[in-house]
Amino acid sequence: MKYIETLREGERVGEIYLCKTKQTALTKAGKPYESLILQDKTGILDAKIWDPNSQGIDEFEALDYIDVVGDVTSFQGALQLNVKRVRRVREGEYDPIEYLPVSEKDIDEMYRELTGFIQEMNNPWLKKLCSGFFLEDKEFEKRFKFHSAAKNVHHGYVGGLLEHTLSVTKLCDYYTQAYPMLHKDLLLTSAMFHDIGKLEELSVFPENDYTDAGQLLGHIVIGVELLGKRISGIPGFPVKLANELKHCILAHHGELEYGSPKKPAIAEAVALSFADNTDAKMQTMKEALAAGDGTSGWLGYNRLFESNIRRTSEE
């Protein structure tokens, strides 16, 4: 299989890809064409069918696996596939794992490392809450391991939610060592649960898009609701502790303009917001540099950092 990340301008391609999106549009001359986003586990590729009614262009829809033949061109500095022929393929002609971006890290090992923090907890209420999700709920475990942390931007791949959650939890664990005033069990619990709402905010792969609940509520509100329901099923769970945990989730984006309903009001919420922002920004930079395809020097303006970015020199 010829992966998207290996394609170069001037090549003729004949491969099966996942059609991530499909839209009909008009050229400046008013002629209809179809705009596609193709995907495999290494990345995505913009594609165009300039003559949708020509012979060799079969019927297909978004999220179908399609066999495409076309020429790799360049448009505004990015690769684009000029599609000549396309057909929808049948189940058995492809291996789905080849078309979904997956974490570079071992998913089962990451999950074991994450749940290891639960074993060390001293607070019985928080330990019971975490165990109920991560150790006892096998359906939750399956979903959490498979889910992404974002539609795009950072950790937008299978295992991404787990990878991001583990990184944030490990950063928070360090904070508790550097700043003993922090309530360790509360901070680590909030780290493990801070993005739990993304299980409902984003649909599963291969779609990995915002759900109605995601659009209307967002993962922060959804996450607090999920925790509230589970806490209500634990008789005697301290109200003050529950509110502090919920506050950490509500405030973990740090600022109102970044989507947090509340700004951090306790030390653990401050620490969680910094840990979340650190991992998100560093992963975003990592993915931006990887997308630069080995280009040395400046990579151009990045809207997420609001800055022109470049690789660090190796001298």
C-alpha atoms as a PDB file:
ATOM      1  CA  MET A   1       0.000   0.000   0.000  1.00  0.00           C
ATOM      2  CA  LYS A   2       1.226   3.500  -0.834  1.00  0.00           C
ATOM      3  CA  TYR A   3       0.578   5.652   2.217  1.00  0.00           C
ATOM      4  CA  ILE A   4      -0.474   9.285   1.930  1.00  0.00           C
ATOM      5  CA  GLU A   5       2.584  10.565   3.799  1.00  0.00           C
ATOM      6  CA  THR A   6       4.839   9.068   1.087  1.00  0.00           C
ATOM      7  CA  LEU A   7       3.088  10.676  -1.899  1.00  0.00           C
ATOM      8  CA  ARG A   8       5.000  13.185  -3.989  1.00  0.00           C
ATOM      9  CA  GLU A   9       4.018  15.625  -6.708  1.00  0.00           C
ATOM     10  CA  GLY A  10       3.937  14.089 -10.179  1.00  0.00           C
ATOM     11  CA  GLU A  11       3.081  10.549  -9.067  1.00  0.00           C
ATOM     12  CA  ARG A  12       0.233   8.468 -10.474  1.00  0.00           C
ATOM     13  CA  VAL A  13      -1.713   6.820  -7.639  1.00  0.00           C
ATOM     14  CA  GLY A  14      -3.914   3.731  -7.695  1.00  0.00           C
ATOM     15  CA  GLU A  15      -4.873   2.884  -4.103  1.00  0.00           C
ATOM     16  CA  ILE A  16      -7.739   2.314  -1.698  1.00  0.00           C
ATOM     17  CA  TYR A  17      -8.388   5.151   0.769  1.00  0.00           C
ATOM     18  CA  LEU A  18     -11.103   6.125   3.188  1.00  0.00           C
ATOM     19  CA  CYS A  19     -13.212   8.986   1.844  1.00  0.00           C
ATOM     20  CA  LYS A  20     -13.377  11.149   4.952  1.00  0.00           C
ATOM     21  CA  THR A  21     -15.584  13.862   3.411  1.00  0.00           C
ATOM     22  CA  LYS A  22     -17.269  14.529   0.068  1.00  0.00           C
ATOM     23  CA  GLN A  23     -18.735  17.835  -1.070  1.00  0.00           C
ATOM     24  CA  THR A  24     -20.105  19.112  -4.361  1.00  0.00           C
ATOM     25  CA  ALA A  25     -19.018  22.599  -5.408  1.00  0.00           C
ATOM     26  CA  LEU A  26     -18.846  24.853  -8.471  1.00  0.00           C
ATOM     27  CA  THR A  27     -15.838  26.187 -10.324  1.00  0.00           C
ATOM     28  CA  LYS A  28     -15.644  29.900 -11.140  1.00  0.00           C
ATOM     29  CA  ALA A  29     -17.095  29.003 -14.532  1.00  0.00           C
ATOM     30  CA  GLY A  30     -20.094  27.375 -12.843  1.00  0.00           C
ATOM     31  CA  LYS A  31     -19.096  23.777 -13.604  1.00  0.00           C
ATOM     32  CA  PRO A  32     -19.793  21.242 -10.819  1.00  0.00           C
ATOM     33  CA  TYR A  33     -16.943  19.257  -9.268  1.00  0.00           C
ATOM     34  CA  GLU A  34     -16.500  17.112  -6.168  1.00  0.00           C
ATOM     35  CA  SER A  35     -14.078  17.893  -3.365  1.00  0.00           C
ATOM     36  CA  LEU A  36     -12.875  14.982  -1.225  1.00  0.00           C
ATOM     37  CA  ILE A  37     -10.701  14.437   1.802  1.00  0.00           C
ATOM     38  CA  LEU A  38      -8.979  11.048   1.604  1.00  0.00           C
ATOM     39  CA  GLN A  39      -7.466   9.396   4.651  1.00  0.00           C
ATOM     40  CA  ASP A  40      -5.219   6.563   5.714  1.00  0.00           C
ATOM     41  CA  LYS A  41      -3.401   5.981   8.994  1.00  0.00           C
ATOM     42  CA  THR A  42      -0.570   8.321   7.976  1.00  0.00           C
ATOM     43  CA  GLY A  43      -2.620  11.393   7.167  1.00  0.00           C
ATOM     44  CA  ILE A  44      -5.169  13.069   4.928  1.00  0.00           C
ATOM     45  CA  LEU A  45      -5.102  14.253   1.316  1.00  0.00           C
ATOM     46  CA  ASP A  46      -7.217  16.802  -0.517  1.00  0.00           C
ATOM     47  CA  ALA A  47      -8.663  15.354  -3.748  1.00  0.00           C
ATOM     48  CA  LYS A  48     -10.767  16.723  -6.589  1.00  0.00           C
ATOM     49  CA  ILE A  49     -13.014  15.072  -9.178  1.00  0.00           C
ATOM     50  CA  TRP A  50     -13.268  17.758 -11.818  1.00  0.00           C
ATOM     51  CA  ASP A  51     -15.677  15.823 -14.048  1.00  0.00           C
ATOM     52  CA  PRO A  52     -18.000  13.795 -11.765  1.00  0.00           C
ATOM     53  CA  ASN A  53     -20.085  12.535 -14.692  1.00  0.00           C
ATOM     54  CA  SER A  54     -17.221  11.079 -16.675  1.00  0.00           C
ATOM     55  CA  GLN A  55     -16.845   7.374 -17.310  1.00  0.00           C
ATOM     56  CA  GLY A  56     -15.027   5.556 -14.525  1.00  0.00           C
ATOM     57  CA  ILE A  57     -16.437   7.677 -11.689  1.00  0.00           C
ATOM     58  CA  ASP A  58     -18.732   5.347  -9.731  1.00  0.00           C
ATOM     59  CA  GLU A  59     -21.233   6.283  -7.044  1.00  0.00           C
ATOM     60  CA  PHE A  60     -19.903   6.552  -3.482  1.00  0.00           C
ATOM     61  CA  GLU A  61     -20.480   8.541  -0.312  1.00  0.00           C
ATOM     62  CA  ALA A  62     -18.467  10.028   2.530  1.00  0.00           C
ATOM     63  CA  LEU A  63     -17.006   7.391   4.885  1.00  0.00           C
ATOM     64  CA  ASP A  64     -16.908   4.825   2.068  1.00  0.00           C
ATOM     65  CA  TYR A  65     -13.656   3.062   1.258  1.00  0.00           C
ATOM     66  CA  ILE A  66     -12.833   3.821  -2.359  1.00  0.00           C
ATOM     67  CA  ASP A  67     -10.303   2.684  -4.936  1.00  0.00           C
ATOM     68  CA  VAL A  68      -8.990   5.839  -6.599  1.00  0.00           C
ATOM     69  CA  VAL A  69      -6.725   6.420  -9.562  1.00  0.00           C
ATOM     70  CA  GLY A  70      -5.316   9.892 -10.030  1.00  0.00           C
ATOM     71  CA  ASP A  71      -2.361  12.223 -10.341  1.00  0.00           C
ATOM     72  CA  VAL A  72      -0.671  13.948  -7.417  1.00  0.00           C
ATOM     73  CA  THR A  73      -0.403  17.687  -8.018  1.00  0.00           C
ATOM     74  CA  SER A  74       0.396  20.707  -5.873  1.00  0.00           C
ATOM     75  CA  PHE A  75      -1.970  23.563  -5.064  1.00  0.00           C
ATOM     76  CA  GLN A  76      -1.008  26.522  -2.866  1.00  0.00           C
ATOM     77  CA  GLY A  77       1.894  24.571  -1.417  1.00  0.00           C
ATOM     78  CA  ALA A  78      -0.110  21.464  -0.480  1.00  0.00           C
ATOM     79  CA  LEU A  79      -0.466  18.155  -2.299  1.00  0.00           C
ATOM     80  CA  GLN A  80      -3.725  17.425  -4.064  1.00  0.00           C
ATOM     81  CA  LEU A  81      -5.006  14.389  -5.954  1.00  0.00           C
ATOM     82  CA  ASN A  82      -6.594  14.915  -9.365  1.00  0.00           C
ATOM     83  CA  VAL A  83      -8.932  11.901  -9.487  1.00  0.00           C
ATOM     84  CA  LYS A  84      -9.442  10.158 -12.834  1.00  0.00           C
ATOM     85  CA  ARG A  85     -11.282   6.987 -11.745  1.00  0.00           C
ATOM     86  CA  VAL A  86     -12.983   5.874  -8.561  1.00  0.00           C
ATOM     87  CA  ARG A  87     -15.050   2.929  -7.363  1.00  0.00           C
ATOM     88  CA  ARG A  88     -16.497   1.966  -4.001  1.00  0.00           C
ATOM     89  CA  VAL A  89     -14.767  -1.174  -2.721  1.00  0.00           C
ATOM     90  CA  ARG A  90     -16.354  -4.125  -0.974  1.00  0.00           C
ATOM     91  CA  GLU A  91     -15.716  -5.296   2.578  1.00  0.00           C
ATOM     92  CA  GLY A  92     -12.768  -7.644   2.544  1.00  0.00           C
ATOM     93  CA  GLU A  93     -10.803  -5.614  -0.005  1.00  0.00           C
ATOM     94  CA  TYR A  94      -9.272  -3.467   2.721  1.00  0.00           C
ATOM     95  CA  ASP A  95      -8.041  -3.649   6.313  1.00  0.00           C
ATOM     96  CA  PRO A  96      -9.699  -0.821   8.334  1.00  0.00           C
ATOM     97  CA  ILE A  97      -6.674  -0.482  10.624  1.00  0.00           C
ATOM     98  CA  GLU A  98      -4.691   0.865   7.657  1.00  0.00           C
ATOM     99  CA  TYR A  99      -7.020   3.849   7.374  1.00  0.00           C
ATOM    100  CA  LEU A 100      -7.298   5.111  10.929  1.00  0.00           C
ATOM    101  CA  PRO A 101      -4.559   7.236  12.503  1.00  0.00           C
ATOM    102  CA  VAL A 102      -3.299   5.444  15.619  1.00  0.00           C
ATOM    103  CA  SER A 103      -1.118   6.516  18.537  1.00  0.00           C
ATOM    104  CA  GLU A 104       2.552   5.698  18.159  1.00  0.00           C
ATOM    105  CA  LYS A 105       2.511   4.433  21.755  1.00  0.00           C
ATOM    106  CA  ASP A 106       1.296   1.073  23.053  1.00  0.00           C
ATOM    107  CA  ILE A 107      -2.354   1.600  24.010  1.00  0.00           C
ATOM    108  CA  ASP A 108      -2.603  -1.233  26.542  1.00  0.00           C
ATOM    109  CA  GLU A 109       0.620  -0.157  28.225  1.00  0.00           C
ATOM    110  CA  MET A 110      -0.606   3.443  28.483  1.00  0.00           C
ATOM    111  CA  TYR A 111      -3.841   2.247  30.075  1.00  0.00           C
ATOM    112  CA  ARG A 112      -1.946   0.162  32.624  1.00  0.00           C
ATOM    113  CA  GLU A 113       0.200   3.172  33.496  1.00  0.00           C
ATOM    114  CA  LEU A 114      -2.862   5.397  33.871  1.00  0.00           C
ATOM    115  CA  THR A 115      -4.753   2.973  36.092  1.00  0.00           C
ATOM    116  CA  GLY A 116      -1.621   2.545  38.195  1.00  0.00           C
ATOM    117  CA  PHE A 117      -2.308   5.981  39.678  1.00  0.00           C
ATOM    118  CA  ILE A 118      -5.610   4.670  41.056  1.00  0.00           C
ATOM    119  CA  GLN A 119      -3.850   1.996  43.085  1.00  0.00           C
ATOM    120  CA  GLU A 120      -1.845   4.693  44.881  1.00  0.00           C
ATOM    121  CA  MET A 121      -4.842   6.831  45.880  1.00  0.00           C
ATOM    122  CA  ASN A 122      -5.628   7.221  49.582  1.00  0.00           C
ATOM    123  CA  ASN A 123      -8.954   9.032  49.407  1.00  0.00           C
ATOM    124  CA  PRO A 124     -11.590   6.248  49.420  1.00  0.00           C
ATOM    125  CA  TRP A 125     -14.246   8.279  47.588  1.00  0.00           C
ATOM    126  CA  LEU A 126     -12.039   9.327  44.704  1.00  0.00           C
ATOM    127  CA  LYS A 127     -10.481   5.870  44.485  1.00  0.00           C
ATOM    128  CA  LYS A 128     -13.945   4.291  44.276  1.00  0.00           C
ATOM    129  CA  LEU A 129     -15.039   6.784  41.607  1.00  0.00           C
ATOM    130  CA  CYS A 130     -11.957   6.191  39.448  1.00  0.00           C
ATOM    131  CA  SER A 131     -12.130   2.425  39.902  1.00  0.00           C
ATOM    132  CA  GLY A 132     -15.765   2.385  38.850  1.00  0.00           C
ATOM    133  CA  PHE A 133     -14.833   3.864  35.492  1.00  0.00           C
ATOM    134  CA  PHE A 134     -11.320   2.725  34.650  1.00  0.00           C
ATOM    135  CA  LEU A 135     -11.069  -0.666  36.377  1.00  0.00           C
ATOM    136  CA  GLU A 136     -14.590  -2.085  36.590  1.00  0.00           C
ATOM    137  CA  ASP A 137     -16.385  -0.737  33.504  1.00  0.00           C
ATOM    138  CA  LYS A 138     -15.052  -2.798  30.578  1.00  0.00           C
ATOM    139  CA  GLU A 139     -17.225  -1.012  28.025  1.00  0.00           C
ATOM    140  CA  PHE A 140     -15.848   2.331  29.201  1.00  0.00           C
ATOM    141  CA  GLU A 141     -12.300   0.960  29.002  1.00  0.00           C
ATOM    142  CA  LYS A 142     -12.857  -0.171  25.423  1.00  0.00           C
ATOM    143  CA  ARG A 143     -14.251   3.202  24.370  1.00  0.00           C
ATOM    144  CA  PHE A 144     -11.608   5.201  26.233  1.00  0.00           C
ATOM    145  CA  LYS A 145      -8.744   3.279  24.624  1.00  0.00           C
ATOM    146  CA  PHE A 146     -10.140   3.727  21.098  1.00  0.00           C
ATOM    147  CA  HIS A 147     -11.296   7.356  21.211  1.00  0.00           C
ATOM    148  CA  SER A 148      -9.484  10.431  19.929  1.00  0.00           C
ATOM    149  CA  ALA A 149      -8.951  13.616  21.914  1.00  0.00           C
ATOM    150  CA  ALA A 150      -9.959  15.933  19.083  1.00  0.00           C
ATOM    151  CA  LYS A 151     -11.388  16.158  15.590  1.00  0.00           C
ATOM    152  CA  ASN A 152      -8.084  17.743  14.616  1.00  0.00           C
ATOM    153  CA  VAL A 153      -5.492  20.064  16.253  1.00  0.00           C
ATOM    154  CA  HIS A 154      -3.922  17.530  18.678  1.00  0.00           C
ATOM    155  CA  HIS A 155      -4.238  13.828  19.545  1.00  0.00           C
ATOM    156  CA  GLY A 156      -6.805  13.331  16.790  1.00  0.00           C
ATOM    157  CA  TYR A 157      -6.187   9.613  16.427  1.00  0.00           C
ATOM    158  CA  VAL A 158      -7.114   6.223  17.899  1.00  0.00           C
ATOM    159  CA  GLY A 159      -5.736   6.184  21.435  1.00  0.00           C
ATOM    160  CA  GLY A 160      -5.380   9.969  21.419  1.00  0.00           C
ATOM    161  CA  LEU A 161      -7.734  10.549  24.347  1.00  0.00           C
ATOM    162  CA  LEU A 162      -5.848   8.012  26.445  1.00  0.00           C
ATOM    163  CA  GLU A 163      -2.436   9.378  25.428  1.00  0.00           C
ATOM    164  CA  HIS A 164      -3.426  12.960  26.251  1.00  0.00           C
ATOM    165  CA  THR A 165      -5.064  11.968  29.546  1.00  0.00           C
ATOM    166  CA  LEU A 166      -1.987  10.020  30.637  1.00  0.00           C
ATOM    167  CA  SER A 167       0.339  12.918  29.789  1.00  0.00           C
ATOM    168  CA  VAL A 168      -1.810  15.396  31.728  1.00  0.00           C
ATOM    169  CA  THR A 169      -2.024  13.024  34.697  1.00  0.00           C
ATOM    170  CA  LYS A 170       1.755  12.548  34.746  1.00  0.00           C
ATOM    171  CA  LEU A 171       2.306  16.313  34.627  1.00  0.00           C
ATOM    172  CA  CYS A 172      -0.127  16.725  37.515  1.00  0.00           C
ATOM    173  CA  ASP A 173       1.674  14.005  39.455  1.00  0.00           C
ATOM    174  CA  TYR A 174       4.884  16.027  39.051  1.00  0.00           C
ATOM    175  CA  TYR A 175       3.100  19.180  40.225  1.00  0.00           C
ATOM    176  CA  THR A 176       2.087  17.442  43.451  1.00  0.00           C
ATOM    177  CA  GLN A 177       5.733  16.673  44.136  1.00  0.00           C
ATOM    178  CA  ALA A 178       6.882  20.215  43.353  1.00  0.00           C
ATOM    179  CA  TYR A 179       3.973  21.865  45.203  1.00  0.00           C
ATOM    180  CA  PRO A 180       2.985  19.782  48.258  1.00  0.00           C
ATOM    181  CA  MET A 181       0.028  22.069  49.010  1.00  0.00           C
ATOM    182  CA  LEU A 182      -1.869  20.359  46.200  1.00  0.00           C
ATOM    183  CA  HIS A 183      -4.443  17.711  47.098  1.00  0.00           C
ATOM    184  CA  LYS A 184      -2.834  14.866  45.147  1.00  0.00           C
ATOM    185  CA  ASP A 185      -5.809  12.522  44.847  1.00  0.00           C
ATOM    186  CA  LEU A 186      -8.133  15.347  43.819  1.00  0.00           C
ATOM    187  CA  LEU A 187      -5.726  16.650  41.181  1.00  0.00           C
ATOM    188  CA  LEU A 188      -4.964  13.231  39.706  1.00  0.00           C
ATOM    189  CA  THR A 189      -8.662  12.326  39.632  1.00  0.00           C
ATOM    190  CA  SER A 190      -9.521  15.568  37.865  1.00  0.00           C
ATOM    191  CA  ALA A 191      -6.711  14.906  35.374  1.00  0.00           C
ATOM    192  CA  MET A 192      -8.008  11.424  34.602  1.00  0.00           C
ATOM    193  CA  PHE A 193     -11.540  12.722  34.088  1.00  0.00           C
ATOM    194  CA  HIS A 194     -10.897  16.164  32.588  1.00  0.00           C
ATOM    195  CA  ASP A 195     -11.709  15.137  28.987  1.00  0.00           C
ATOM    196  CA  ILE A 196     -14.124  12.286  29.671  1.00  0.00           C
ATOM    197  CA  GLY A 197     -16.863  14.285  27.939  1.00  0.00           C
ATOM    198  CA  LYS A 198     -15.091  13.799  24.617  1.00  0.00           C
ATOM    199  CA  LEU A 199     -16.479  10.264  24.552  1.00  0.00           C
ATOM    200  CA  GLU A 200     -19.842  11.906  23.795  1.00  0.00           C
ATOM    201  CA  GLU A 201     -18.638  15.123  22.158  1.00  0.00           C
ATOM    202  CA  LEU A 202     -16.961  13.270  19.281  1.00  0.00           C
ATOM    203  CA  SER A 203     -18.280  10.318  17.296  1.00  0.00           C
ATOM    204  CA  VAL A 204     -16.141   7.205  16.940  1.00  0.00           C
ATOM    205  CA  PHE A 205     -13.813   6.533  14.039  1.00  0.00           C
ATOM    206  CA  PRO A 206     -13.856   6.628  11.099  1.00  0.00           C
ATOM    207  CA  GLU A 207     -16.187   9.630  11.396  1.00  0.00           C
ATOM    208  CA  ASN A 208     -14.531  11.310  14.416  1.00  0.00           C
ATOM    209  CA  ASP A 209     -16.740  14.390  14.130  1.00  0.00           C
ATOM    210  CA  TYR A 210     -18.781  16.509  16.508  1.00  0.00           C
ATOM    211  CA  THR A 211     -22.048  14.975  17.682  1.00  0.00           C
ATOM    212  CA  ASP A 212     -25.205  16.984  18.359  1.00  0.00           C
ATOM    213  CA  ALA A 213     -24.399  16.874  22.078  1.00  0.00           C
ATOM    214  CA  GLY A 214     -20.853  17.979  21.304  1.00  0.00           C
ATOM    215  CA  GLN A 215     -22.059  20.954  19.297  1.00  0.00           C
ATOM    216  CA  LEU A 216     -24.741  21.974  21.790  1.00  0.00           C
ATOM    217  CA  LEU A 217     -23.013  21.291  25.106  1.00  0.00           C
ATOM    218  CA  GLY A 218     -19.293  20.644  24.596  1.00  0.00           C
ATOM    219  CA  HIS A 219     -17.110  18.112  26.370  1.00  0.00           C
ATOM    220  CA  ILE A 220     -16.668  20.126  29.555  1.00  0.00           C
ATOM    221  CA  VAL A 221     -20.371  20.232  30.399  1.00  0.00           C
ATOM    222  CA  ILE A 222     -20.874  16.655  29.203  1.00  0.00           C
ATOM    223  CA  GLY A 223     -17.997  15.474  31.380  1.00  0.00           C
ATOM    224  CA  VAL A 224     -19.381  17.120  34.505  1.00  0.00           C
ATOM    225  CA  GLU A 225     -22.780  15.565  33.820  1.00  0.00           C
ATOM    226  CA  LEU A 226     -21.246  12.084  33.431  1.00  0.00           C
ATOM    227  CA  LEU A 227     -19.338  12.460  36.689  1.00  0.00           C
ATOM    228  CA  GLY A 228     -22.386  13.822  38.492  1.00  0.00           C
ATOM    229  CA  LYS A 229     -24.470  10.791  37.521  1.00  0.00           C
ATOM    230  CA  ARG A 230     -21.798   8.350  38.690  1.00  0.00           C
ATOM    231  CA  ILE A 231     -21.175  10.267  41.948  1.00  0.00           C
ATOM    232  CA  SER A 232     -24.891  10.221  42.721  1.00  0.00           C
ATOM    233  CA  GLY A 233     -24.673   6.425  42.686  1.00  0.00           C
ATOM    234  CA  ILE A 234     -22.043   6.399  45.452  1.00  0.00           C
ATOM    235  CA  PRO A 235     -23.936   6.854  48.769  1.00  0.00           C
ATOM    236  CA  GLY A 236     -22.265   9.316  51.114  1.00  0.00           C
ATOM    237  CA  PHE A 237     -19.880  10.856  48.562  1.00  0.00           C
ATOM    238  CA  PRO A 238     -18.859  14.192  50.154  1.00  0.00           C
ATOM    239  CA  VAL A 239     -20.653  17.116  48.513  1.00  0.00           C
ATOM    240  CA  LYS A 240     -17.726  19.519  48.959  1.00  0.00           C
ATOM    241  CA  LEU A 241     -15.302  17.032  47.375  1.00  0.00           C
ATOM    242  CA  ALA A 242     -17.692  16.430  44.477  1.00  0.00           C
ATOM    243  CA  ASN A 243     -18.007  20.165  43.867  1.00  0.00           C
ATOM    244  CA  GLU A 244     -14.237  20.668  43.933  1.00  0.00           C
ATOM    245  CA  LEU A 245     -13.777  17.859  41.414  1.00  0.00           C
ATOM    246  CA  LYS A 246     -16.478  19.256  39.152  1.00  0.00           C
ATOM    247  CA  HIS A 247     -14.942  22.712  39.426  1.00  0.00           C
ATOM    248  CA  CYS A 248     -11.576  21.383  38.220  1.00  0.00           C
ATOM    249  CA  ILE A 249     -13.298  19.912  35.150  1.00  0.00           C
ATOM    250  CA  LEU A 250     -15.304  23.082  34.492  1.00  0.00           C
ATOM    251  CA  ALA A 251     -12.196  25.287  34.748  1.00  0.00           C
ATOM    252  CA  HIS A 252      -9.616  23.126  32.984  1.00  0.00           C
ATOM    253  CA  HIS A 253      -9.397  25.353  29.892  1.00  0.00           C
ATOM    254  CA  GLY A 254      -8.272  28.130  32.186  1.00  0.00           C
ATOM    255  CA  GLU A 255     -10.080  31.081  30.612  1.00  0.00           C
ATOM    256  CA  LEU A 256     -13.705  31.840  29.760  1.00  0.00           C
ATOM    257  CA  GLU A 257     -12.762  32.683  26.173  1.00  0.00           C
ATOM    258  CA  TYR A 258     -11.234  29.226  25.793  1.00  0.00           C
ATOM    259  CA  GLY A 259     -14.514  27.518  26.657  1.00  0.00           C
ATOM    260  CA  SER A 260     -14.307  27.081  30.424  1.00  0.00           C
ATOM    261  CA  PRO A 261     -17.606  27.943  32.176  1.00  0.00           C
ATOM    262  CA  LYS A 262     -15.554  28.886  35.243  1.00  0.00           C
ATOM    263  CA  LYS A 263     -12.043  30.236  35.813  1.00  0.00           C
ATOM    264  CA  PRO A 264      -9.833  28.269  38.231  1.00  0.00           C
ATOM    265  CA  ALA A 265     -10.645  29.081  41.855  1.00  0.00           C
ATOM    266  CA  ILE A 266      -8.650  26.406  43.689  1.00  0.00           C
ATOM    267  CA  ALA A 267      -5.020  25.391  43.352  1.00  0.00           C
ATOM    268  CA  GLU A 268      -5.823  22.001  41.811  1.00  0.00           C
ATOM    269  CA  ALA A 269      -7.861  23.650  39.058  1.00  0.00           C
ATOM    270  CA  VAL A 270      -4.968  25.979  38.277  1.00  0.00           C
ATOM    271  CA  ALA A 271      -2.541  23.065  38.077  1.00  0.00           C
ATOM    272  CA  LEU A 272      -4.891  21.030  35.866  1.00  0.00           C
ATOM    273  CA  SER A 273      -5.392  23.925  33.438  1.00  0.00           C
ATOM    274  CA  PHE A 274      -1.634  24.360  33.023  1.00  0.00           C
ATOM    275  CA  ALA A 275      -1.030  20.624  32.573  1.00  0.00           C
ATOM    276  CA  ASP A 276      -3.787  20.377  29.965  1.00  0.00           C
ATOM    277  CA  ASN A 277      -2.523  23.417  28.070  1.00  0.00           C
ATOM    278  CA  THR A 278       1.093  22.221  28.195  1.00  0.00           C
ATOM    279  CA  ASP A 279       0.360  18.815  26.700  1.00  0.00           C
ATOM    280  CA  ALA A 280      -2.054  20.180  24.099  1.00  0.00           C
ATOM    281  CA  LYS A 281       0.415  22.849  22.928  1.00  0.00           C
ATOM    282  CA  MET A 282       3.434  20.542  22.832  1.00  0.00           C
ATOM    283  CA  GLN A 283       1.537  17.879  20.887  1.00  0.00           C
ATOM    284  CA  THR A 284       0.231  20.537  18.506  1.00  0.00           C
ATOM    285  CA  MET A 285       3.804  21.696  17.883  1.00  0.00           C
ATOM    286  CA  LYS A 286       4.935  18.093  17.401  1.00  0.00           C
ATOM    287  CA  GLU A 287       2.232  17.495  14.794  1.00  0.00           C
ATOM    288  CA  ALA A 288       2.947  20.813  13.059  1.00  0.00           C
ATOM    289  CA  LEU A 289       6.632  19.942  12.750  1.00  0.00           C
ATOM    290  CA  ALA A 290       5.784  16.466  11.474  1.00  0.00           C
ATOM    291  CA  ALA A 291       3.505  17.983   8.841  1.00  0.00           C
ATOM    292  CA  GLY A 292       6.470  20.070   7.673  1.00  0.00           C
ATOM    293  CA  ASP A 293       7.812  16.914   6.024  1.00  0.00           C
ATOM    294  CA  GLY A 294      11.385  17.439   7.186  1.00  0.00           C
ATOM    295  CA  THR A 295      11.562  21.044   5.993  1.00  0.00           C
ATOM    296  CA  SER A 296      14.363  22.888   7.747  1.00  0.00           C
ATOM    297  CA  GLY A 297      14.013  26.459   8.886  1.00  0.00           C
ATOM    298  CA  TRP A 298      10.743  28.376   9.058  1.00  0.00           C
ATOM    299  CA  LEU A 299       7.492  26.497   8.430  1.00  0.00           C
ATOM    300  CA  GLY A 300       5.240  29.519   8.069  1.00  0.00           C
ATOM    301  CA  TYR A 301       2.455  31.076  10.124  1.00  0.00           C
ATOM    302  CA  ASN A 302       0.571  28.716  12.420  1.00  0.00           C
ATOM    303  CA  ARG A 303      -2.865  29.999  13.454  1.00  0.00           C
ATOM    304  CA  LEU A 304      -2.920  27.926  16.649  1.00  0.00           C
ATOM    305  CA  PHE A 305       0.283  29.521  17.947  1.00  0.00           C
ATOM    306  CA  GLU A 306      -0.430  32.835  16.202  1.00  0.00           C
ATOM    307  CA  SER A 307       3.199  32.869  15.156  1.00  0.00           C
ATOM    308  CA  ASN A 308       5.561  31.906  12.366  1.00  0.00           C
ATOM    309  CA  ILE A 309       7.183  28.685  13.616  1.00  0.00           C
ATOM    310  CA  ARG A 310      10.351  26.789  12.778  1.00  0.00           C
ATOM    311  CA  ARG A 311      12.397  23.801  13.810  1.00  0.00           C
ATOM    312  CA  THR A 312      15.037  24.222  16.466  1.00  0.00           C
ATOM    313  CA  SER A 313      18.539  24.230  15.027  1.00  0.00           C
ATOM    314  CA  GLU A 314      20.666  21.163  15.745  1.00  0.00           C
ATOM    315  CA  GLU A 315      23.940  23.067  16.031  1.00  0.00           C
END
